[in-house]
Protein backbone atom coordinates (compact mmCIF):
# COMPACT_ATOMS: atom_id res chain seq x y z
CA MET A 1 0.00 0.00 0.00
CA ALA A 2 1.43 3.40 -1.03
CA VAL A 3 1.97 6.00 1.76
CA ALA A 4 2.47 9.66 0.74
CA SER A 5 4.78 11.86 2.82
CA PRO A 6 4.40 10.14 6.24
CA ILE A 7 6.69 12.78 7.87
CA ARG A 8 4.11 15.50 7.49
CA VAL A 9 1.26 13.89 9.45
CA SER A 10 0.00 16.53 11.84
CA MET A 11 -0.56 14.81 15.21
CA GLY A 12 0.88 15.11 18.69
CA GLY A 13 4.13 13.22 19.09
CA SER A 14 4.45 13.18 15.31
CA ASN A 15 7.93 11.76 15.24
CA LEU A 16 7.07 8.70 17.31
CA HIS A 17 3.83 8.11 15.45
CA THR A 18 5.47 8.60 12.12
CA SER A 19 8.16 6.05 13.01
CA ARG A 20 5.52 3.49 13.98
CA LEU A 21 3.60 4.08 10.77
CA ASN A 22 6.75 3.58 8.75
CA ARG A 23 7.44 0.27 10.47
CA MET A 24 3.87 -0.93 9.90
CA SER A 25 3.98 0.12 6.27
CA THR A 26 7.25 -1.70 5.66
CA THR A 27 6.10 -4.88 7.39
CA SER A 28 2.79 -5.10 5.58
CA SER A 29 4.33 -4.54 2.17
CA THR A 30 6.59 -7.68 2.37
CA PRO A 31 4.45 -10.52 3.81
CA ALA A 32 5.53 -13.32 1.36
CA PRO A 33 9.15 -13.77 2.50
CA ALA A 34 8.10 -14.35 6.09
CA ARG A 35 5.62 -17.09 5.08
CA VAL A 36 8.15 -18.80 2.82
CA ARG A 37 10.73 -18.94 5.60
CA SER A 38 8.24 -20.35 8.05
CA ASN A 39 7.51 -23.31 5.71
CA ARG A 40 11.19 -24.30 5.77
CA VAL A 41 11.45 -24.56 9.52
CA HIS A 42 11.41 -28.13 11.06
CA THR A 43 11.16 -28.56 14.76
CA PRO A 44 13.19 -31.30 16.49
CA LEU A 45 9.96 -33.28 17.05
CA THR A 46 9.18 -33.32 13.34
CA LEU A 47 12.70 -34.51 12.43
CA CYS A 48 12.53 -37.27 15.01
CA ALA A 49 9.22 -38.56 13.64
CA ALA A 50 10.53 -38.58 10.08
CA THR A 51 13.69 -40.41 11.07
CA THR A 52 11.68 -43.01 12.98
CA ALA A 53 9.41 -43.61 9.99
CA ALA A 54 12.39 -44.04 7.66
CA LEU A 55 14.05 -46.54 9.99
CA ALA A 56 10.81 -48.50 10.27
CA ALA A 57 10.56 -48.68 6.49
CA VAL A 58 14.16 -49.95 6.20
CA LEU A 59 13.58 -52.60 8.86
CA THR A 60 10.37 -53.73 7.14
CA LEU A 61 12.11 -54.07 3.76
CA SER A 62 15.00 -55.96 5.38
CA ALA A 63 12.64 -58.42 7.06
CA CYS A 64 10.77 -59.05 3.79
CA SER A 65 14.03 -59.62 1.93
CA SER A 66 15.24 -62.06 4.60
CA ASN A 67 12.00 -64.04 4.49
CA ASP A 68 12.05 -64.25 0.70
CA GLY A 69 15.64 -65.51 0.72
CA SER A 70 14.84 -68.21 3.26
CA ALA A 71 11.92 -69.45 1.19
CA ASP A 72 14.03 -69.65 -1.95
CA ALA A 73 16.80 -71.59 -0.21
CA SER A 74 14.29 -74.00 1.28
CA SER A 75 12.74 -74.61 -2.14
CA VAL A 76 16.13 -75.36 -3.71
CA ALA A 77 17.04 -77.76 -0.89
CA ASP A 78 13.72 -79.57 -1.25
CA ALA A 79 14.30 -79.94 -4.99
CA ALA A 80 17.77 -81.36 -4.40
CA VAL A 81 16.52 -83.88 -1.86
CA THR A 82 13.69 -84.93 -4.17
CA ALA A 83 16.03 -85.48 -7.13
CA SER A 84 18.56 -87.51 -5.15
CA PRO A 85 16.68 -90.86 -4.94
CA SER A 86 16.10 -91.09 -8.69
CA SER A 87 19.81 -90.76 -9.47
CA SER A 88 20.80 -93.35 -6.87
CA SER A 89 18.11 -95.78 -8.00
CA SER A 90 19.56 -95.88 -11.53
CA THR A 91 22.99 -97.06 -10.31
CA PRO A 92 22.18 -100.80 -9.93
CA ALA A 93 20.74 -100.99 -13.45
CA ALA A 94 23.84 -99.33 -14.92
CA ALA A 95 26.11 -101.76 -13.03
CA ALA A 96 24.20 -104.92 -14.05
CA ALA A 97 26.34 -107.58 -15.76
CA VAL A 98 25.64 -108.63 -19.35
CA ALA A 99 23.95 -112.05 -19.40
CA PRO A 100 25.28 -115.07 -21.34
CA CYS A 101 23.82 -115.57 -24.82
CA ALA A 102 20.79 -117.88 -24.82
CA ALA A 103 19.89 -120.24 -27.66
CA HIS A 104 16.39 -118.77 -28.07
CA ASN A 105 17.98 -115.40 -28.97
CA LEU A 106 20.49 -116.87 -31.44
CA VAL A 107 20.10 -117.63 -35.13
CA GLY A 108 22.51 -120.32 -36.35
CA THR A 109 23.79 -120.55 -39.91
CA ILE A 110 26.17 -122.94 -41.66
CA GLU A 111 28.32 -120.51 -43.58
CA GLN A 112 30.49 -122.99 -45.44
CA VAL A 113 31.19 -126.71 -45.81
CA GLN A 114 34.51 -127.65 -47.36
CA GLY A 115 36.46 -130.85 -47.72
CA ALA A 116 39.92 -131.39 -46.35
CA THR A 117 42.18 -134.43 -46.32
CA GLY A 118 40.12 -137.15 -44.61
CA SER A 119 37.74 -134.55 -43.04
CA THR A 120 34.94 -132.10 -43.69
CA ILE A 121 35.13 -128.56 -42.18
CA ILE A 122 31.83 -126.89 -41.29
CA ASP A 123 31.94 -123.17 -40.47
CA VAL A 124 29.05 -122.07 -38.23
CA SER A 125 27.87 -118.60 -37.14
CA LEU A 126 25.54 -117.66 -34.28
CA ARG A 127 23.85 -114.27 -34.70
CA ASN A 128 22.41 -112.53 -31.65
CA ASP A 129 18.85 -111.32 -32.25
CA GLY A 130 18.24 -110.48 -28.57
CA PRO A 131 19.71 -107.94 -26.14
CA SER A 132 23.47 -107.68 -25.67
CA CYS A 133 24.95 -110.90 -24.31
CA THR A 134 28.27 -112.63 -23.77
CA VAL A 135 29.62 -115.90 -25.14
CA ALA A 136 32.87 -117.68 -24.33
CA GLY A 137 34.45 -121.09 -24.75
CA PHE A 138 33.32 -124.17 -26.63
CA PRO A 139 29.81 -124.89 -27.89
CA GLY A 140 28.25 -128.30 -27.46
CA VAL A 141 27.96 -129.99 -30.88
CA SER A 142 26.54 -133.28 -32.12
CA LEU A 143 24.98 -134.82 -35.23
CA ILE A 144 21.34 -135.99 -35.17
CA ASP A 145 19.16 -138.20 -37.36
CA VAL A 146 15.72 -137.55 -38.81
CA ASP A 147 14.11 -138.35 -35.45
CA GLY A 148 16.30 -135.86 -33.61
CA SER A 149 18.31 -138.57 -31.88
CA GLN A 150 22.04 -138.10 -31.44
CA ILE A 151 24.29 -140.11 -33.73
CA GLY A 152 27.51 -141.39 -32.20
CA ALA A 153 29.63 -139.38 -29.78
CA ALA A 154 29.31 -135.63 -29.23
CA ALA A 155 32.08 -133.42 -30.59
CA ASP A 156 35.41 -133.29 -28.76
CA ARG A 157 37.02 -129.91 -28.05
CA GLU A 158 39.87 -128.98 -30.35
CA PRO A 159 42.30 -127.98 -29.05
CA ALA A 160 41.19 -128.99 -25.58
CA SER A 161 43.82 -126.79 -23.88
CA ALA A 162 42.63 -123.54 -25.51
CA THR A 163 41.84 -120.62 -23.17
CA PRO A 164 38.28 -119.30 -23.63
CA GLN A 165 37.92 -115.67 -24.71
CA SER A 166 34.75 -113.82 -23.70
CA LEU A 167 32.89 -112.03 -26.49
CA THR A 168 30.10 -109.47 -26.05
CA LEU A 169 27.51 -109.61 -28.82
CA ALA A 170 25.30 -106.58 -29.33
CA THR A 171 22.02 -107.07 -31.15
CA GLY A 172 22.85 -108.19 -34.70
CA ASP A 173 26.44 -109.26 -33.89
CA ALA A 174 27.59 -112.82 -34.52
CA ALA A 175 30.14 -115.27 -33.16
CA SER A 176 31.51 -118.17 -35.19
CA PHE A 177 33.26 -121.49 -34.76
CA SER A 178 34.35 -124.43 -36.90
CA VAL A 179 33.43 -128.11 -36.68
CA ARG A 180 35.58 -130.86 -38.14
CA SER A 181 33.97 -134.19 -39.12
CA THR A 182 36.31 -137.07 -39.83
CA ASN A 183 35.42 -139.13 -42.94
CA ALA A 184 33.51 -142.17 -41.67
CA LEU A 185 34.66 -144.21 -44.67
CA ALA A 186 38.13 -144.27 -43.18
CA PHE A 187 36.90 -146.72 -40.50
CA ASP A 188 35.86 -150.35 -40.68
CA PRO A 189 32.17 -150.26 -41.71
CA LYS A 190 31.24 -152.93 -39.16
CA GLU A 191 32.89 -151.02 -36.32
CA CYS A 192 31.82 -147.57 -37.49
CA ASN A 193 28.19 -148.34 -38.27
CA THR A 194 28.06 -145.57 -40.87
CA ILE A 195 24.97 -143.33 -40.78
CA ASP A 196 24.11 -140.12 -42.62
CA SER A 197 23.07 -137.22 -40.40
CA THR A 198 20.20 -134.83 -41.12
CA ALA A 199 21.21 -131.90 -38.88
CA LEU A 200 23.85 -130.38 -36.65
CA LYS A 201 22.74 -129.75 -33.06
CA VAL A 202 24.46 -126.79 -31.34
CA TYR A 203 24.37 -125.80 -27.66
CA PRO A 204 25.75 -122.26 -27.11
CA PRO A 205 28.50 -122.26 -24.45
CA GLY A 206 27.01 -122.69 -20.97
CA ASP A 207 23.43 -123.17 -22.24
CA THR A 208 21.12 -126.18 -22.03
CA GLU A 209 18.99 -125.11 -25.00
CA TRP A 210 20.08 -125.65 -28.57
CA VAL A 211 19.65 -124.70 -32.22
CA THR A 212 19.54 -127.18 -35.10
CA LEU A 213 21.06 -126.59 -38.52
CA PRO A 214 20.33 -128.84 -41.53
CA LEU A 215 23.45 -130.83 -42.43
CA THR A 216 24.02 -134.14 -44.19
CA VAL A 217 27.31 -135.83 -43.50
CA ALA A 218 28.40 -139.49 -43.11
CA THR A 219 29.37 -140.31 -39.52
CA CYS A 220 29.81 -143.30 -37.23
CA GLY A 221 26.94 -144.46 -35.10
CA ASN A 222 29.39 -146.19 -32.75
CA GLU A 223 30.02 -143.86 -29.79
CA GLN A 224 33.43 -145.43 -29.23
CA ILE A 225 34.67 -143.92 -32.49
CA HIS A 226 35.00 -140.14 -32.26
CA THR A 227 34.63 -138.47 -35.61
CA LEU A 228 33.43 -134.97 -34.58
CA PHE A 229 35.52 -132.04 -33.21
CA THR A 230 34.67 -128.40 -32.46
CA GLY A 231 36.69 -125.26 -31.96
CA MET A 232 35.96 -122.32 -29.63
CA VAL A 233 33.64 -119.46 -30.52
CA ARG A 234 35.49 -116.45 -31.89
């Protein structure tokens, strides 16, 4: 508010009154700065309350973070404990030994029949059509007639002192061996009792089942005369 010539106010004690008017005029003309300064003032009580609230917020966040971390760790531990039995249970299966080859899983084939001096050599293969298996040593071999009866003596091992070698046959793999049949005509007919075979009977090493392979060869019916010999599987 504008004040014109305050010094000339005509009243008793003009100097004192004029001074008071000047102070009032000056104070009323600048109200904004005083209000602005008052908004910036914080009492100790206000600061204390704000600090307390901030600390409470920090503690709350810390507690939440701690709880979340514990839950995560517990979940991971549970998962690890749950997974452990399955891995241990697979160990016995992995360590299981491969079983010997069984006749019902083998397919026998006569690969070749060839003459030698005084003998006939028969090459035989045994193909594995089952799961992986092992075979080692000598097969059991004999000649049979049309009725399936054995003719003469079973095959002798040749050489008998050979050390067996174990073979693992995966599905589709084959092992082989050779059979030697001595010419029956080399013996006295009365002692030999010559008979023609109709098949070769083969027991895989260590098995009590057999496979039969068609084969016609002259042999001796007399079991005292040994005309048949077999080698090891290879």
